Amino acid sequence: MIKAGDRRRCDLAEALFASSVPTGTHPSREEVDVAVIDALERFRGTIGCAAEMGAAYGEQPEIAIIRIRWSLQVVASVYGTDICGVYGRPTGMSHP
């Protein structure tokens, strides 16, 4: 069973994946917050971010796997267990 925290972590990683933050960088929590919110707004929520990620896997799977691994590591690093952060639920997140 997927817990709500796991789903949020995945949502954040998908949004970061869809953002313009370069793979391999070490963004601050504030930079991740801005990038996630921007991606969620630009792609109209978590479903749009997931679609962007899926398209990247279809086009360049060898690069996409590196980016999603990086996205998951950044989310874990900047949010830890406090995945709701200062702002609660980012705009456009579809899960409670």
PDB file of N, CA and C in Angstrom:
ATOM      1  N   MET A   1       0.838  -1.188   0.000  1.00  0.00           N
ATOM      2  CA  MET A   1       0.000   0.000   0.000  1.00  0.00           C
ATOM      3  C   MET A   1       0.881   1.249   0.000  1.00  0.00           C
ATOM      4  N   ILE A   2       0.564   2.195  -0.854  1.00  0.00           N
ATOM      5  CA  ILE A   2       1.309   3.443  -0.928  1.00  0.00           C
ATOM      6  C   ILE A   2       0.752   4.402   0.104  1.00  0.00           C
ATOM      7  N   LYS A   3       1.630   4.927   0.952  1.00  0.00           N
ATOM      8  CA  LYS A   3       1.219   5.893   1.963  1.00  0.00           C
ATOM      9  C   LYS A   3       1.126   7.280   1.334  1.00  0.00           C
ATOM     10  N   ALA A   4       0.357   8.164   1.978  1.00  0.00           N
ATOM     11  CA  ALA A   4       0.186   9.524   1.462  1.00  0.00           C
ATOM     12  C   ALA A   4       1.528  10.226   1.319  1.00  0.00           C
ATOM     13  N   GLY A   5       2.427  10.034   2.279  1.00  0.00           N
ATOM     14  CA  GLY A   5       3.742  10.664   2.212  1.00  0.00           C
ATOM     15  C   GLY A   5       4.542  10.188   1.020  1.00  0.00           C
ATOM     16  N   ASP A   6       4.455   8.893   0.704  1.00  0.00           N
ATOM     17  CA  ASP A   6       5.154   8.348  -0.461  1.00  0.00           C
ATOM     18  C   ASP A   6       4.602   8.947  -1.745  1.00  0.00           C
ATOM     19  N   ARG A   7       3.282   9.083  -1.816  1.00  0.00           N
ATOM     20  CA  ARG A   7       2.648   9.651  -3.011  1.00  0.00           C
ATOM     21  C   ARG A   7       3.064  11.112  -3.183  1.00  0.00           C
ATOM     22  N   ARG A   8       3.103  11.855  -2.078  1.00  0.00           N
ATOM     23  CA  ARG A   8       3.527  13.258  -2.167  1.00  0.00           C
ATOM     24  C   ARG A   8       4.965  13.359  -2.621  1.00  0.00           C
ATOM     25  N   ARG A   9       5.806  12.486  -2.102  1.00  0.00           N
ATOM     26  CA  ARG A   9       7.210  12.479  -2.497  1.00  0.00           C
ATOM     27  C   ARG A   9       7.330  12.220  -4.002  1.00  0.00           C
ATOM     28  N   CYS A  10       6.542  11.286  -4.492  1.00  0.00           N
ATOM     29  CA  CYS A  10       6.538  10.999  -5.935  1.00  0.00           C
ATOM     30  C   CYS A  10       6.029  12.196  -6.731  1.00  0.00           C
ATOM     31  N   ASP A  11       4.970  12.831  -6.242  1.00  0.00           N
ATOM     32  CA  ASP A  11       4.436  14.022  -6.923  1.00  0.00           C
ATOM     33  C   ASP A  11       5.486  15.126  -6.998  1.00  0.00           C
ATOM     34  N   LEU A  12       6.181  15.359  -5.891  1.00  0.00           N
ATOM     35  CA  LEU A  12       7.212  16.391  -5.867  1.00  0.00           C
ATOM     36  C   LEU A  12       8.358  16.048  -6.820  1.00  0.00           C
ATOM     37  N   ALA A  13       8.763  14.786  -6.824  1.00  0.00           N
ATOM     38  CA  ALA A  13       9.842  14.358  -7.720  1.00  0.00           C
ATOM     39  C   ALA A  13       9.426  14.487  -9.183  1.00  0.00           C
ATOM     40  N   GLU A  14       8.187  14.142  -9.501  1.00  0.00           N
ATOM     41  CA  GLU A  14       7.701  14.294 -10.879  1.00  0.00           C
ATOM     42  C   GLU A  14       7.686  15.759 -11.291  1.00  0.00           C
ATOM     43  N   ALA A  15       7.251  16.633 -10.380  1.00  0.00           N
ATOM     44  CA  ALA A  15       7.226  18.067 -10.688  1.00  0.00           C
ATOM     45  C   ALA A  15       8.648  18.597 -10.861  1.00  0.00           C
ATOM     46  N   LEU A  16       9.568  18.169 -10.005  1.00  0.00           N
ATOM     47  CA  LEU A  16      10.953  18.597 -10.150  1.00  0.00           C
ATOM     48  C   LEU A  16      11.536  18.071 -11.457  1.00  0.00           C
ATOM     49  N   PHE A  17      11.196  16.834 -11.803  1.00  0.00           N
ATOM     50  CA  PHE A  17      11.627  16.250 -13.077  1.00  0.00           C
ATOM     51  C   PHE A  17      11.185  17.139 -14.236  1.00  0.00           C
ATOM     52  N   ALA A  18       9.951  17.622 -14.190  1.00  0.00           N
ATOM     53  CA  ALA A  18       9.382  18.419 -15.274  1.00  0.00           C
ATOM     54  C   ALA A  18       9.858  19.879 -15.250  1.00  0.00           C
ATOM     55  N   SER A  19      10.555  20.259 -14.197  1.00  0.00           N
ATOM     56  CA  SER A  19      11.007  21.643 -14.050  1.00  0.00           C
ATOM     57  C   SER A  19      12.238  21.922 -14.913  1.00  0.00           C
ATOM     58  N   SER A  20      12.682  23.161 -14.872  1.00  0.00           N
ATOM     59  CA  SER A  20      13.866  23.558 -15.640  1.00  0.00           C
ATOM     60  C   SER A  20      15.148  23.490 -14.819  1.00  0.00           C
ATOM     61  N   VAL A  21      15.084  22.980 -13.598  1.00  0.00           N
ATOM     62  CA  VAL A  21      16.286  22.850 -12.774  1.00  0.00           C
ATOM     63  C   VAL A  21      17.201  21.805 -13.419  1.00  0.00           C
ATOM     64  N   PRO A  22      18.459  22.148 -13.666  1.00  0.00           N
ATOM     65  CA  PRO A  22      19.363  21.212 -14.346  1.00  0.00           C
ATOM     66  C   PRO A  22      19.655  19.958 -13.516  1.00  0.00           C
ATOM     67  N   THR A  23      19.644  18.817 -14.166  1.00  0.00           N
ATOM     68  CA  THR A  23      19.991  17.549 -13.533  1.00  0.00           C
ATOM     69  C   THR A  23      21.413  17.633 -12.993  1.00  0.00           C
ATOM     70  N   GLY A  24      21.595  17.078 -11.805  1.00  0.00           N
ATOM     71  CA  GLY A  24      22.923  17.037 -11.211  1.00  0.00           C
ATOM     72  C   GLY A  24      23.245  18.207 -10.307  1.00  0.00           C
ATOM     73  N   THR A  25      22.385  19.229 -10.319  1.00  0.00           N
ATOM     74  CA  THR A  25      22.627  20.370  -9.440  1.00  0.00           C
ATOM     75  C   THR A  25      22.140  20.044  -8.038  1.00  0.00           C
ATOM     76  N   HIS A  26      22.465  20.911  -7.102  1.00  0.00           N
ATOM     77  CA  HIS A  26      22.070  20.737  -5.708  1.00  0.00           C
ATOM     78  C   HIS A  26      21.271  21.963  -5.269  1.00  0.00           C
ATOM     79  N   PRO A  27      20.014  22.062  -5.734  1.00  0.00           N
ATOM     80  CA  PRO A  27      19.217  23.253  -5.419  1.00  0.00           C
ATOM     81  C   PRO A  27      18.852  23.302  -3.940  1.00  0.00           C
ATOM     82  N   SER A  28      18.667  24.526  -3.454  1.00  0.00           N
ATOM     83  CA  SER A  28      18.213  24.725  -2.080  1.00  0.00           C
ATOM     84  C   SER A  28      16.738  24.364  -1.977  1.00  0.00           C
ATOM     85  N   ARG A  29      16.250  24.282  -0.765  1.00  0.00           N
ATOM     86  CA  ARG A  29      14.834  23.995  -0.565  1.00  0.00           C
ATOM     87  C   ARG A  29      13.968  25.064  -1.225  1.00  0.00           C
ATOM     88  N   GLU A  30      14.380  26.317  -1.098  1.00  0.00           N
ATOM     89  CA  GLU A  30      13.618  27.412  -1.698  1.00  0.00           C
ATOM     90  C   GLU A  30      13.588  27.291  -3.216  1.00  0.00           C
ATOM     91  N   GLU A  31      14.715  26.927  -3.808  1.00  0.00           N
ATOM     92  CA  GLU A  31      14.771  26.755  -5.264  1.00  0.00           C
ATOM     93  C   GLU A  31      13.876  25.593  -5.714  1.00  0.00           C
ATOM     94  N   VAL A  32      13.857  24.528  -4.928  1.00  0.00           N
ATOM     95  CA  VAL A  32      12.994  23.390  -5.254  1.00  0.00           C
ATOM     96  C   VAL A  32      11.536  23.790  -5.110  1.00  0.00           C
ATOM     97  N   ASP A  33      11.205  24.513  -4.032  1.00  0.00           N
ATOM     98  CA  ASP A  33       9.822  24.981  -3.842  1.00  0.00           C
ATOM     99  C   ASP A  33       9.341  25.755  -5.060  1.00  0.00           C
ATOM    100  N   VAL A  34      10.155  26.710  -5.515  1.00  0.00           N
ATOM    101  CA  VAL A  34       9.789  27.548  -6.664  1.00  0.00           C
ATOM    102  C   VAL A  34       9.665  26.693  -7.920  1.00  0.00           C
ATOM    103  N   ALA A  35      10.620  25.789  -8.136  1.00  0.00           N
ATOM    104  CA  ALA A  35      10.600  24.948  -9.340  1.00  0.00           C
ATOM    105  C   ALA A  35       9.389  24.028  -9.362  1.00  0.00           C
ATOM    106  N   VAL A  36       9.051  23.456  -8.216  1.00  0.00           N
ATOM    107  CA  VAL A  36       7.903  22.541  -8.123  1.00  0.00           C
ATOM    108  C   VAL A  36       6.606  23.294  -8.396  1.00  0.00           C
ATOM    109  N   ILE A  37       6.447  24.421  -7.751  1.00  0.00           N
ATOM    110  CA  ILE A  37       5.216  25.202  -7.944  1.00  0.00           C
ATOM    111  C   ILE A  37       5.102  25.658  -9.395  1.00  0.00           C
ATOM    112  N   ASP A  38       6.219  26.112  -9.977  1.00  0.00           N
ATOM    113  CA  ASP A  38       6.207  26.541 -11.376  1.00  0.00           C
ATOM    114  C   ASP A  38       5.819  25.390 -12.302  1.00  0.00           C
ATOM    115  N   ALA A  39       6.417  24.219 -12.088  1.00  0.00           N
ATOM    116  CA  ALA A  39       6.110  23.066 -12.945  1.00  0.00           C
ATOM    117  C   ALA A  39       4.652  22.641 -12.789  1.00  0.00           C
ATOM    118  N   LEU A  40       4.158  22.640 -11.545  1.00  0.00           N
ATOM    119  CA  LEU A  40       2.761  22.256 -11.318  1.00  0.00           C
ATOM    120  C   LEU A  40       1.804  23.220 -12.013  1.00  0.00           C
ATOM    121  N   GLU A  41       2.139  24.495 -11.998  1.00  0.00           N
ATOM    122  CA  GLU A  41       1.291  25.475 -12.685  1.00  0.00           C
ATOM    123  C   GLU A  41       1.425  25.351 -14.199  1.00  0.00           C
ATOM    124  N   ARG A  42       2.654  25.205 -14.685  1.00  0.00           N
ATOM    125  CA  ARG A  42       2.897  25.132 -16.135  1.00  0.00           C
ATOM    126  C   ARG A  42       2.267  23.893 -16.753  1.00  0.00           C
ATOM    127  N   PHE A  43       2.323  22.753 -16.060  1.00  0.00           N
ATOM    128  CA  PHE A  43       1.807  21.501 -16.613  1.00  0.00           C
ATOM    129  C   PHE A  43       0.443  21.119 -16.040  1.00  0.00           C
ATOM    130  N   ARG A  44      -0.177  22.059 -15.333  1.00  0.00           N
ATOM    131  CA  ARG A  44      -1.545  21.907 -14.811  1.00  0.00           C
ATOM    132  C   ARG A  44      -1.702  20.758 -13.828  1.00  0.00           C
ATOM    133  N   GLY A  45      -0.774  20.685 -12.881  1.00  0.00           N
ATOM    134  CA  GLY A  45      -0.900  19.723 -11.793  1.00  0.00           C
ATOM    135  C   GLY A  45      -0.015  18.505 -11.952  1.00  0.00           C
ATOM    136  N   THR A  46      -0.213  17.589 -11.029  1.00  0.00           N
ATOM    137  CA  THR A  46       0.641  16.407 -10.975  1.00  0.00           C
ATOM    138  C   THR A  46       0.463  15.499 -12.189  1.00  0.00           C
ATOM    139  N   ILE A  47      -0.723  15.437 -12.724  1.00  0.00           N
ATOM    140  CA  ILE A  47      -0.953  14.573 -13.897  1.00  0.00           C
ATOM    141  C   ILE A  47      -0.154  15.088 -15.086  1.00  0.00           C
ATOM    142  N   GLY A  48      -0.135  16.395 -15.277  1.00  0.00           N
ATOM    143  CA  GLY A  48       0.644  16.974 -16.369  1.00  0.00           C
ATOM    144  C   GLY A  48       2.142  16.758 -16.191  1.00  0.00           C
ATOM    145  N   CYS A  49       2.617  16.867 -14.943  1.00  0.00           N
ATOM    146  CA  CYS A  49       4.036  16.618 -14.677  1.00  0.00           C
ATOM    147  C   CYS A  49       4.368  15.149 -14.935  1.00  0.00           C
ATOM    148  N   ALA A  50       3.489  14.256 -14.529  1.00  0.00           N
ATOM    149  CA  ALA A  50       3.702  12.829 -14.783  1.00  0.00           C
ATOM    150  C   ALA A  50       3.705  12.547 -16.285  1.00  0.00           C
ATOM    151  N   ALA A  51       2.865  13.244 -17.022  1.00  0.00           N
ATOM    152  CA  ALA A  51       2.833  13.064 -18.479  1.00  0.00           C
ATOM    153  C   ALA A  51       4.140  13.528 -19.107  1.00  0.00           C
ATOM    154  N   GLU A  52       4.682  14.639 -18.625  1.00  0.00           N
ATOM    155  CA  GLU A  52       5.977  15.121 -19.115  1.00  0.00           C
ATOM    156  C   GLU A  52       7.067  14.093 -18.840  1.00  0.00           C
ATOM    157  N   MET A  53       7.028  13.515 -17.646  1.00  0.00           N
ATOM    158  CA  MET A  53       8.012  12.505 -17.292  1.00  0.00           C
ATOM    159  C   MET A  53       7.863  11.278 -18.189  1.00  0.00           C
ATOM    160  N   GLY A  54       6.638  10.852 -18.414  1.00  0.00           N
ATOM    161  CA  GLY A  54       6.384   9.707 -19.285  1.00  0.00           C
ATOM    162  C   GLY A  54       6.861   9.950 -20.701  1.00  0.00           C
ATOM    163  N   ALA A  55       6.640  11.144 -21.202  1.00  0.00           N
ATOM    164  CA  ALA A  55       7.096  11.481 -22.554  1.00  0.00           C
ATOM    165  C   ALA A  55       8.620  11.425 -22.634  1.00  0.00           C
ATOM    166  N   ALA A  56       9.276  11.906 -21.587  1.00  0.00           N
ATOM    167  CA  ALA A  56      10.744  11.875 -21.572  1.00  0.00           C
ATOM    168  C   ALA A  56      11.257  10.436 -21.563  1.00  0.00           C
ATOM    169  N   TYR A  57      10.577   9.563 -20.816  1.00  0.00           N
ATOM    170  CA  TYR A  57      10.980   8.158 -20.802  1.00  0.00           C
ATOM    171  C   TYR A  57      10.824   7.545 -22.189  1.00  0.00           C
ATOM    172  N   GLY A  58       9.776   7.918 -22.888  1.00  0.00           N
ATOM    173  CA  GLY A  58       9.564   7.381 -24.231  1.00  0.00           C
ATOM    174  C   GLY A  58      10.587   7.881 -25.225  1.00  0.00           C
ATOM    175  N   GLU A  59      10.998   9.136 -25.087  1.00  0.00           N
ATOM    176  CA  GLU A  59      11.925   9.746 -26.036  1.00  0.00           C
ATOM    177  C   GLU A  59      13.386   9.417 -25.737  1.00  0.00           C
ATOM    178  N   GLN A  60      13.761   9.490 -24.476  1.00  0.00           N
ATOM    179  CA  GLN A  60      15.164   9.274 -24.097  1.00  0.00           C
ATOM    180  C   GLN A  60      15.230   8.563 -22.741  1.00  0.00           C
ATOM    181  N   PRO A  61      14.911   7.278 -22.703  1.00  0.00           N
ATOM    182  CA  PRO A  61      14.851   6.575 -21.413  1.00  0.00           C
ATOM    183  C   PRO A  61      16.169   6.572 -20.649  1.00  0.00           C
ATOM    184  N   GLU A  62      17.283   6.542 -21.352  1.00  0.00           N
ATOM    185  CA  GLU A  62      18.578   6.507 -20.671  1.00  0.00           C
ATOM    186  C   GLU A  62      18.874   7.808 -19.940  1.00  0.00           C
ATOM    187  N   ILE A  63      18.361   8.908 -20.441  1.00  0.00           N
ATOM    188  CA  ILE A  63      18.527  10.203 -19.775  1.00  0.00           C
ATOM    189  C   ILE A  63      17.450  10.393 -18.714  1.00  0.00           C
ATOM    190  N   ALA A  64      16.241   9.951 -19.004  1.00  0.00           N
ATOM    191  CA  ALA A  64      15.129  10.113 -18.063  1.00  0.00           C
ATOM    192  C   ALA A  64      15.397   9.389 -16.753  1.00  0.00           C
ATOM    193  N   ILE A  65      15.989   8.206 -16.804  1.00  0.00           N
ATOM    194  CA  ILE A  65      16.240   7.463 -15.572  1.00  0.00           C
ATOM    195  C   ILE A  65      17.227   8.209 -14.681  1.00  0.00           C
ATOM    196  N   ILE A  66      18.199   8.875 -15.289  1.00  0.00           N
ATOM    197  CA  ILE A  66      19.154   9.671 -14.512  1.00  0.00           C
ATOM    198  C   ILE A  66      18.442  10.851 -13.862  1.00  0.00           C
ATOM    199  N   ARG A  67      17.541  11.497 -14.626  1.00  0.00           N
ATOM    200  CA  ARG A  67      16.842  12.664 -14.084  1.00  0.00           C
ATOM    201  C   ARG A  67      15.865  12.286 -12.977  1.00  0.00           C
ATOM    202  N   ILE A  68      15.133  11.195 -13.107  1.00  0.00           N
ATOM    203  CA  ILE A  68      14.186  10.840 -12.048  1.00  0.00           C
ATOM    204  C   ILE A  68      14.937  10.411 -10.798  1.00  0.00           C
ATOM    205  N   ARG A  69      16.045   9.700 -10.969  1.00  0.00           N
ATOM    206  CA  ARG A  69      16.847   9.323  -9.792  1.00  0.00           C
ATOM    207  C   ARG A  69      17.341  10.578  -9.081  1.00  0.00           C
ATOM    208  N   TRP A  70      17.827  11.561  -9.850  1.00  0.00           N
ATOM    209  CA  TRP A  70      18.266  12.829  -9.279  1.00  0.00           C
ATOM    210  C   TRP A  70      17.102  13.546  -8.593  1.00  0.00           C
ATOM    211  N   SER A  71      15.933  13.588  -9.240  1.00  0.00           N
ATOM    212  CA  SER A  71      14.758  14.256  -8.666  1.00  0.00           C
ATOM    213  C   SER A  71      14.372  13.643  -7.323  1.00  0.00           C
ATOM    214  N   LEU A  72      14.355  12.329  -7.261  1.00  0.00           N
ATOM    215  CA  LEU A  72      14.016  11.647  -6.010  1.00  0.00           C
ATOM    216  C   LEU A  72      15.047  11.946  -4.921  1.00  0.00           C
ATOM    217  N   GLN A  73      16.319  11.980  -5.287  1.00  0.00           N
ATOM    218  CA  GLN A  73      17.365  12.277  -4.312  1.00  0.00           C
ATOM    219  C   GLN A  73      17.256  13.715  -3.805  1.00  0.00           C
ATOM    220  N   VAL A  74      16.978  14.650  -4.701  1.00  0.00           N
ATOM    221  CA  VAL A  74      16.837  16.054  -4.292  1.00  0.00           C
ATOM    222  C   VAL A  74      15.637  16.212  -3.366  1.00  0.00           C
ATOM    223  N   VAL A  75      14.508  15.614  -3.724  1.00  0.00           N
ATOM    224  CA  VAL A  75      13.307  15.708  -2.876  1.00  0.00           C
ATOM    225  C   VAL A  75      13.596  15.136  -1.492  1.00  0.00           C
ATOM    226  N   ALA A  76      14.232  13.989  -1.427  1.00  0.00           N
ATOM    227  CA  ALA A  76      14.564  13.391  -0.134  1.00  0.00           C
ATOM    228  C   ALA A  76      15.525  14.282   0.651  1.00  0.00           C
ATOM    229  N   SER A  77      16.469  14.890  -0.054  1.00  0.00           N
ATOM    230  CA  SER A  77      17.467  15.733   0.592  1.00  0.00           C
ATOM    231  C   SER A  77      16.872  17.024   1.150  1.00  0.00           C
ATOM    232  N   VAL A  78      16.061  17.705   0.354  1.00  0.00           N
ATOM    233  CA  VAL A  78      15.568  19.019   0.796  1.00  0.00           C
ATOM    234  C   VAL A  78      14.337  18.940   1.696  1.00  0.00           C
ATOM    235  N   TYR A  79      13.513  17.902   1.530  1.00  0.00           N
ATOM    236  CA  TYR A  79      12.304  17.814   2.337  1.00  0.00           C
ATOM    237  C   TYR A  79      12.410  16.789   3.455  1.00  0.00           C
ATOM    238  N   GLY A  80      13.243  15.772   3.277  1.00  0.00           N
ATOM    239  CA  GLY A  80      13.319  14.715   4.277  1.00  0.00           C
ATOM    240  C   GLY A  80      11.934  14.150   4.530  1.00  0.00           C
ATOM    241  N   THR A  81      11.549  14.085   5.771  1.00  0.00           N
ATOM    242  CA  THR A  81      10.212  13.586   6.092  1.00  0.00           C
ATOM    243  C   THR A  81       9.189  14.715   6.120  1.00  0.00           C
ATOM    244  N   ASP A  82       9.672  15.962   6.059  1.00  0.00           N
ATOM    245  CA  ASP A  82       8.776  17.118   6.076  1.00  0.00           C
ATOM    246  C   ASP A  82       8.405  17.494   4.652  1.00  0.00           C
ATOM    247  N   ILE A  83       7.705  16.603   3.966  1.00  0.00           N
ATOM    248  CA  ILE A  83       7.454  16.797   2.545  1.00  0.00           C
ATOM    249  C   ILE A  83       6.409  17.844   2.224  1.00  0.00           C
ATOM    250  N   CYS A  84       5.624  18.237   3.196  1.00  0.00           N
ATOM    251  CA  CYS A  84       4.649  19.298   2.930  1.00  0.00           C
ATOM    252  C   CYS A  84       5.308  20.665   3.026  1.00  0.00           C
ATOM    253  N   GLY A  85       6.427  20.745   3.685  1.00  0.00           N
ATOM    254  CA  GLY A  85       7.201  21.972   3.731  1.00  0.00           C
ATOM    255  C   GLY A  85       6.465  23.135   4.369  1.00  0.00           C
ATOM    256  N   VAL A  86       6.991  24.282   4.137  1.00  0.00           N
ATOM    257  CA  VAL A  86       6.457  25.514   4.703  1.00  0.00           C
ATOM    258  C   VAL A  86       5.116  25.864   4.083  1.00  0.00           C
ATOM    259  N   TYR A  87       4.944  25.576   2.824  1.00  0.00           N
ATOM    260  CA  TYR A  87       3.764  26.014   2.087  1.00  0.00           C
ATOM    261  C   TYR A  87       2.617  25.027   2.115  1.00  0.00           C
ATOM    262  N   GLY A  88       2.739  23.937   2.859  1.00  0.00           N
ATOM    263  CA  GLY A  88       1.663  22.941   2.862  1.00  0.00           C
ATOM    264  C   GLY A  88       1.656  22.209   1.542  1.00  0.00           C
ATOM    265  N   ARG A  89       0.563  22.198   0.875  1.00  0.00           N
ATOM    266  CA  ARG A  89       0.449  21.488  -0.403  1.00  0.00           C
ATOM    267  C   ARG A  89       0.653  22.475  -1.539  1.00  0.00           C
ATOM    268  N   PRO A  90       1.660  22.246  -2.408  1.00  0.00           N
ATOM    269  CA  PRO A  90       1.866  23.174  -3.523  1.00  0.00           C
ATOM    270  C   PRO A  90       0.634  23.273  -4.423  1.00  0.00           C
ATOM    271  N   THR A  91       0.483  24.411  -5.026  1.00  0.00           N
ATOM    272  CA  THR A  91      -0.610  24.646  -5.964  1.00  0.00           C
ATOM    273  C   THR A  91      -0.629  23.558  -7.027  1.00  0.00           C
ATOM    274  N   GLY A  92      -1.782  22.988  -7.273  1.00  0.00           N
ATOM    275  CA  GLY A  92      -1.916  22.012  -8.342  1.00  0.00           C
ATOM    276  C   GLY A  92      -1.730  20.580  -7.919  1.00  0.00           C
ATOM    277  N   MET A  93      -1.325  20.328  -6.670  1.00  0.00           N
ATOM    278  CA  MET A  93      -1.148  18.945  -6.243  1.00  0.00           C
ATOM    279  C   MET A  93      -2.523  18.300  -6.128  1.00  0.00           C
ATOM    280  N   SER A  94      -2.674  17.143  -6.694  1.00  0.00           N
ATOM    281  CA  SER A  94      -3.991  16.530  -6.765  1.00  0.00           C
ATOM    282  C   SER A  94      -4.287  15.599  -5.604  1.00  0.00           C
ATOM    283  N   HIS A  95      -3.304  15.324  -4.760  1.00  0.00           N
ATOM    284  CA  HIS A  95      -3.524  14.393  -3.653  1.00  0.00           C
ATOM    285  C   HIS A  95      -3.528  15.153  -2.336  1.00  0.00           C
ATOM    286  N   PRO A  96      -4.331  14.720  -1.374  1.00  0.00           N
ATOM    287  CA  PRO A  96      -4.364  15.401  -0.075  1.00  0.00           C
ATOM    288  C   PRO A  96      -3.076  15.252   0.701  1.00  0.00           C
TER     289      PRO A  96
END
